[in-house]
């Protein structure tokens, strides 16, 4: 008899207090990207591969290509795009 496969995926979230403590310990210039990562669940490599074309502000959708699972995912998020230079 074959046993069913167990889903061993562990999903972890920061509490609002934990998130604020993390942000409080970061230089201000890093806070937006860390906040983005916390709220989207993007990994470092996924963040680094993002391009402006991945953000559809009209639909409120972010497409993450080349995920750890080998595919892509799209998610609806509320976000404001601001292109800062420097």
Protein backbone atom coordinates (compact mmCIF):
# COMPACT_ATOMS: atom_id res chain seq x y z
CA UNK A 1 0.00 0.00 0.00
CA UNK A 2 1.34 3.39 -1.01
CA UNK A 3 1.01 6.20 1.51
CA UNK A 4 -0.25 9.59 0.35
CA UNK A 5 2.37 12.25 -0.20
CA UNK A 6 2.56 14.69 2.71
CA UNK A 7 2.56 18.39 1.90
CA UNK A 8 5.56 19.63 3.88
CA UNK A 9 5.48 23.24 2.70
CA UNK A 10 6.04 25.59 5.59
CA UNK A 11 4.49 29.01 5.16
CA UNK A 12 5.79 31.70 7.49
CA UNK A 13 4.68 35.28 7.87
CA UNK A 14 6.01 38.12 9.94
CA UNK A 15 3.62 39.72 12.37
CA UNK A 16 3.15 43.48 11.92
CA UNK A 17 5.36 44.03 15.00
CA UNK A 18 8.10 41.77 13.63
CA UNK A 19 7.97 43.55 10.28
CA UNK A 20 8.29 46.95 11.94
CA UNK A 21 11.23 45.79 14.08
CA UNK A 22 12.97 44.51 10.95
CA UNK A 23 12.38 47.79 9.10
CA UNK A 24 13.53 49.83 12.11
CA UNK A 25 16.92 48.10 11.95
CA UNK A 26 17.47 48.79 8.24
CA UNK A 27 18.84 51.89 6.56
CA UNK A 28 15.95 53.87 5.08
CA UNK A 29 17.07 53.24 1.50
CA UNK A 30 16.56 49.45 1.91
CA UNK A 31 13.15 49.61 3.58
CA UNK A 32 10.99 49.75 0.41
CA UNK A 33 12.53 46.64 -1.15
CA UNK A 34 12.38 44.70 2.12
CA UNK A 35 8.75 45.75 2.62
CA UNK A 36 8.02 44.63 -0.95
CA UNK A 37 9.69 41.26 -0.33
CA UNK A 38 7.82 40.73 2.94
CA UNK A 39 4.44 41.51 1.39
CA UNK A 40 4.93 39.53 -1.84
CA UNK A 41 6.99 36.59 -0.61
CA UNK A 42 9.52 37.15 -3.40
CA UNK A 43 12.94 35.64 -2.90
CA UNK A 44 16.13 37.60 -3.57
CA UNK A 45 16.66 36.12 -7.04
CA UNK A 46 13.05 36.79 -7.99
CA UNK A 47 13.37 40.41 -6.85
CA UNK A 48 16.60 40.90 -8.79
CA UNK A 49 15.04 39.56 -12.01
CA UNK A 50 12.02 41.90 -11.90
CA UNK A 51 11.67 44.35 -14.76
CA UNK A 52 9.32 47.30 -15.21
CA UNK A 53 7.35 45.22 -17.73
CA UNK A 54 6.50 42.79 -14.90
CA UNK A 55 4.36 45.46 -13.19
CA UNK A 56 0.96 46.15 -14.70
CA UNK A 57 -0.22 49.16 -12.75
CA UNK A 58 -3.54 49.35 -14.64
CA UNK A 59 -4.51 45.85 -13.49
CA UNK A 60 -2.58 45.91 -10.22
CA UNK A 61 -0.73 42.74 -11.18
CA UNK A 62 2.89 41.74 -10.69
CA UNK A 63 4.26 38.82 -12.71
CA UNK A 64 7.24 36.98 -11.21
CA UNK A 65 9.12 35.02 -13.85
CA UNK A 66 11.49 32.14 -13.15
CA UNK A 67 10.33 31.25 -9.67
CA UNK A 68 12.08 28.75 -7.44
CA UNK A 69 9.53 26.16 -8.57
CA UNK A 70 10.66 26.72 -12.17
CA UNK A 71 7.60 28.47 -13.51
CA UNK A 72 6.05 31.85 -13.12
CA UNK A 73 3.36 33.34 -10.95
CA UNK A 74 1.18 36.40 -11.16
CA UNK A 75 -0.45 38.08 -8.24
CA UNK A 76 -2.70 41.03 -7.69
CA UNK A 77 -1.27 43.68 -5.43
CA UNK A 78 -1.95 47.26 -4.57
CA UNK A 79 1.19 49.19 -5.35
CA UNK A 80 2.42 52.52 -6.56
CA UNK A 81 5.23 52.61 -9.08
CA UNK A 82 7.85 55.25 -8.50
CA UNK A 83 10.98 55.26 -10.63
CA UNK A 84 13.67 56.82 -8.50
CA UNK A 85 17.11 57.28 -9.92
CA UNK A 86 20.23 56.88 -7.85
